[in-house]
C-alpha atoms as a PDB file:
ATOM      1  CA  MET A   1      61.547 129.920 104.785  1.00  0.00           C
ATOM      2  CA  ALA A   2      59.812 132.317 107.196  1.00  0.00           C
ATOM      3  CA  ALA A   3      61.907 131.015 110.095  1.00  0.00           C
ATOM      4  CA  LEU A   4      65.075 131.509 108.075  1.00  0.00           C
ATOM      5  CA  ARG A   5      63.999 135.060 107.202  1.00  0.00           C
ATOM      6  CA  LYS A   6      63.479 135.848 110.910  1.00  0.00           C
ATOM      7  CA  LEU A   7      66.973 134.644 111.689  1.00  0.00           C
ATOM      8  CA  LEU A   8      68.671 136.555 108.901  1.00  0.00           C
ATOM      9  CA  LEU A   9      66.775 139.840 108.980  1.00  0.00           C
ATOM     10  CA  PRO A  10      66.775 142.478 111.699  1.00  0.00           C
ATOM     11  CA  THR A  11      63.563 142.908 113.649  1.00  0.00           C
ATOM     12  CA  ASN A  12      63.514 146.659 113.046  1.00  0.00           C
ATOM     13  CA  THR A  13      61.739 147.030 109.702  1.00  0.00           C
ATOM     14  CA  SER A  14      62.142 150.799 109.539  1.00  0.00           C
ATOM     15  CA  VAL A  15      65.816 150.407 108.601  1.00  0.00           C
ATOM     16  CA  LEU A  16      66.326 150.589 104.849  1.00  0.00           C
ATOM     17  CA  THR A  17      68.633 147.886 103.581  1.00  0.00           C
ATOM     18  CA  SER A  18      70.604 148.046 100.384  1.00  0.00           C
ATOM     19  CA  ASN A  19      68.518 145.221  98.956  1.00  0.00           C
ATOM     20  CA  SER A  20      64.976 146.500  98.361  1.00  0.00           C
ATOM     21  CA  ALA A  21      63.641 142.948  97.903  1.00  0.00           C
ATOM     22  CA  ILE A  22      64.517 142.128 101.515  1.00  0.00           C
ATOM     23  CA  PHE A  23      62.944 145.400 102.605  1.00  0.00           C
ATOM     24  CA  LEU A  24      59.738 144.598 100.724  1.00  0.00           C
ATOM     25  CA  SER A  25      59.474 141.084 102.084  1.00  0.00           C
ATOM     26  CA  ARG A  26      59.392 142.490 105.616  1.00  0.00           C
ATOM     27  CA  ARG A  27      56.907 145.278 104.828  1.00  0.00           C
ATOM     28  CA  GLY A  28      54.459 143.447 102.595  1.00  0.00           C
ATOM     29  CA  ILE A  29      53.014 144.430  99.239  1.00  0.00           C
ATOM     30  CA  ALA A  30      50.810 147.316 100.420  1.00  0.00           C
ATOM     31  CA  SER A  31      53.393 149.934  99.436  1.00  0.00           C
ATOM     32  CA  LYS A  32      53.823 148.626  95.876  1.00  0.00           C
ATOM     33  CA  LEU A  33      51.684 150.184  93.144  1.00  0.00           C
ATOM     34  CA  PHE A  34      50.799 148.894  89.687  1.00  0.00           C
ATOM     35  CA  VAL A  35      50.941 151.560  86.974  1.00  0.00           C
ATOM     36  CA  GLY A  36      49.192 150.713  83.691  1.00  0.00           C
ATOM     37  CA  GLY A  37      48.791 152.586  80.429  1.00  0.00           C
ATOM     38  CA  LEU A  38      52.378 153.793  80.274  1.00  0.00           C
ATOM     39  CA  SER A  39      53.795 155.230  77.090  1.00  0.00           C
ATOM     40  CA  PHE A  40      56.357 153.002  75.394  1.00  0.00           C
ATOM     41  CA  TYR A  41      58.781 155.912  75.728  1.00  0.00           C
ATOM     42  CA  THR A  42      58.499 156.194  79.519  1.00  0.00           C
ATOM     43  CA  THR A  43      61.750 155.233  81.242  1.00  0.00           C
ATOM     44  CA  GLU A  44      62.230 153.896  84.759  1.00  0.00           C
ATOM     45  CA  LYS A  45      63.952 157.156  85.676  1.00  0.00           C
ATOM     46  CA  GLY A  46      61.017 159.188  84.322  1.00  0.00           C
ATOM     47  CA  LEU A  47      58.523 156.987  86.157  1.00  0.00           C
ATOM     48  CA  SER A  48      60.479 157.365  89.384  1.00  0.00           C
ATOM     49  CA  GLU A  49      60.703 161.149  89.010  1.00  0.00           C
ATOM     50  CA  ALA A  50      56.969 161.510  88.308  1.00  0.00           C
ATOM     51  CA  PHE A  51      55.974 159.430  91.327  1.00  0.00           C
ATOM     52  CA  SER A  52      58.640 160.817  93.682  1.00  0.00           C
ATOM     53  CA  GLN A  53      56.606 164.036  93.920  1.00  0.00           C
ATOM     54  CA  HIS A  54      54.242 162.099  96.199  1.00  0.00           C
ATOM     55  CA  GLY A  55      56.728 160.334  98.482  1.00  0.00           C
ATOM     56  CA  GLN A  56      59.998 158.432  98.729  1.00  0.00           C
ATOM     57  CA  VAL A  57      60.232 155.972  95.830  1.00  0.00           C
ATOM     58  CA  ILE A  58      62.258 152.874  96.687  1.00  0.00           C
ATOM     59  CA  GLU A  59      62.046 151.322  93.217  1.00  0.00           C
ATOM     60  CA  ALA A  60      60.423 152.044  89.855  1.00  0.00           C
ATOM     61  CA  LYS A  61      60.331 149.125  87.429  1.00  0.00           C
ATOM     62  CA  ILE A  62      58.929 149.020  83.887  1.00  0.00           C
ATOM     63  CA  VAL A  63      58.105 145.536  82.607  1.00  0.00           C
ATOM     64  CA  THR A  64      59.698 144.832  79.235  1.00  0.00           C
ATOM     65  CA  ASP A  65      59.357 142.121  76.617  1.00  0.00           C
ATOM     66  CA  ARG A  66      62.200 139.599  76.839  1.00  0.00           C
ATOM     67  CA  VAL A  67      62.683 139.309  73.088  1.00  0.00           C
ATOM     68  CA  SER A  68      62.317 142.891  71.847  1.00  0.00           C
ATOM     69  CA  ASP A  69      63.332 144.608  75.120  1.00  0.00           C
ATOM     70  CA  ARG A  70      60.426 147.008  74.523  1.00  0.00           C
ATOM     71  CA  SER A  71      58.130 148.236  77.293  1.00  0.00           C
ATOM     72  CA  LYS A  72      54.905 146.284  77.769  1.00  0.00           C
ATOM     73  CA  GLY A  73      53.142 149.494  78.831  1.00  0.00           C
ATOM     74  CA  PHE A  74      52.975 148.862  82.574  1.00  0.00           C
ATOM     75  CA  GLY A  75      55.227 148.899  85.581  1.00  0.00           C
ATOM     76  CA  PHE A  76      55.484 149.034  89.343  1.00  0.00           C
ATOM     77  CA  VAL A  77      56.433 151.759  91.810  1.00  0.00           C
ATOM     78  CA  THR A  78      57.422 150.880  95.372  1.00  0.00           C
ATOM     79  CA  TYR A  79      57.122 153.425  98.178  1.00  0.00           C
ATOM     80  CA  ALA A  80      58.803 153.559 101.575  1.00  0.00           C
ATOM     81  CA  SER A  81      55.450 153.790 103.379  1.00  0.00           C
ATOM     82  CA  GLU A  82      51.832 152.850 102.833  1.00  0.00           C
ATOM     83  CA  ASP A  83      50.724 156.464 103.382  1.00  0.00           C
ATOM     84  CA  GLU A  84      52.925 157.692 100.532  1.00  0.00           C
ATOM     85  CA  ALA A  85      51.612 154.932  98.267  1.00  0.00           C
ATOM     86  CA  GLU A  86      48.005 155.879  99.095  1.00  0.00           C
ATOM     87  CA  LYS A  87      48.731 159.539  98.343  1.00  0.00           C
ATOM     88  CA  ALA A  88      50.361 158.664  95.004  1.00  0.00           C
ATOM     89  CA  LEU A  89      47.455 156.398  94.081  1.00  0.00           C
ATOM     90  CA  GLN A  90      44.955 159.201  94.671  1.00  0.00           C
ATOM     91  CA  GLU A  91      47.057 161.871  92.936  1.00  0.00           C
ATOM     92  CA  MET A  92      48.342 159.940  89.900  1.00  0.00           C
ATOM     93  CA  ASN A  93      45.401 157.695  88.971  1.00  0.00           C
ATOM     94  CA  GLY A  94      43.859 158.973  85.737  1.00  0.00           C
ATOM     95  CA  LYS A  95      46.522 161.648  85.211  1.00  0.00           C
ATOM     96  CA  PRO A  96      48.601 162.019  82.022  1.00  0.00           C
ATOM     97  CA  LEU A  97      52.235 160.906  81.982  1.00  0.00           C
ATOM     98  CA  ASN A  98      54.256 161.300  78.758  1.00  0.00           C
ATOM     99  CA  GLY A  99      51.100 161.851  76.729  1.00  0.00           C
ATOM    100  CA  ARG A 100      49.172 158.817  78.054  1.00  0.00           C
ATOM    101  CA  VAL A 101      46.633 158.579  80.878  1.00  0.00           C
ATOM    102  CA  VAL A 102      47.986 156.175  83.502  1.00  0.00           C
ATOM    103  CA  PHE A 103      45.949 153.965  85.793  1.00  0.00           C
ATOM    104  CA  VAL A 104      47.293 153.289  89.265  1.00  0.00           C
ATOM    105  CA  ASP A 105      46.225 150.551  91.679  1.00  0.00           C
ATOM    106  CA  TYR A 106      47.759 148.475  94.453  1.00  0.00           C
ATOM    107  CA  ALA A 107      49.919 145.650  93.117  1.00  0.00           C
ATOM    108  CA  LYS A 108      48.492 142.162  93.505  1.00  0.00           C
ATOM    109  CA  PRO A 109      50.616 139.367  94.999  1.00  0.00           C
ATOM    110  CA  VAL A 110      52.257 137.067  92.470  1.00  0.00           C
ATOM    111  CA  THR A 111      50.369 133.793  92.070  1.00  0.00           C
ATOM    112  CA  ASN A 112      51.526 130.730  90.172  1.00  0.00           C
ATOM    113  CA  SER A 113      48.067 129.815  88.914  1.00  0.00           C
ATOM    114  CA  GLY A 114      47.416 129.468  85.204  1.00  0.00           C
ATOM    115  CA  GLY A 115      50.031 129.200  82.519  1.00  0.00           C
ATOM    116  CA  MET A 116      52.166 126.137  82.098  1.00  0.00           C
ATOM    117  CA  PRO A 117      51.951 123.615  84.926  1.00  0.00           C
ATOM    118  CA  ILE A 118      55.171 122.587  86.612  1.00  0.00           C
ATOM    119  CA  ALA A 119      56.127 119.010  85.683  1.00  0.00           C
ATOM    120  CA  ARG A 120      56.590 116.762  88.701  1.00  0.00           C
ATOM    121  CA  GLY A 121      57.379 113.447  87.004  1.00  0.00           C
ATOM    122  CA  PRO A 122      55.415 111.131  84.728  1.00  0.00           C
ATOM    123  CA  PRO A 123      51.635 111.451  84.689  1.00  0.00           C
ATOM    124  CA  GLU A 124      49.539 109.135  86.832  1.00  0.00           C
ATOM    125  CA  PRO A 125      47.941 106.239  84.933  1.00  0.00           C
ATOM    126  CA  PRO A 126      44.154 106.542  84.576  1.00  0.00           C
ATOM    127  CA  THR A 127      42.197 104.708  87.239  1.00  0.00           C
ATOM    128  CA  GLN A 128      39.720 102.007  86.246  1.00  0.00           C
ATOM    129  CA  GLN A 129      36.232 102.274  87.722  1.00  0.00           C
END
């Protein structure tokens, strides 16, 4: 997959592409922030506007419940540079946003540990000792 990405993507990572996911895969996760403690009434536009005071926001995403389509109270903000993300982390952590104190930290990489295991065929028979 990494070899395919090198072939398809330009080597200059400072160029913003229209697809922010491609941009992020080249830059890494250091410029993506986790924002917890959000009000259920905070919108993605409001989150983006609040954090854009500290740098260029590429994407602001609020995680919602699939069934009720209601906010889960946290989201992610992606910045164009690591310096802007660091500044936003220092400025916004512990500050009120829409009546709630928000907590900001660097986003962790997605891991597939825990939860339901992925089925890969029938289970192995128990071994006799």
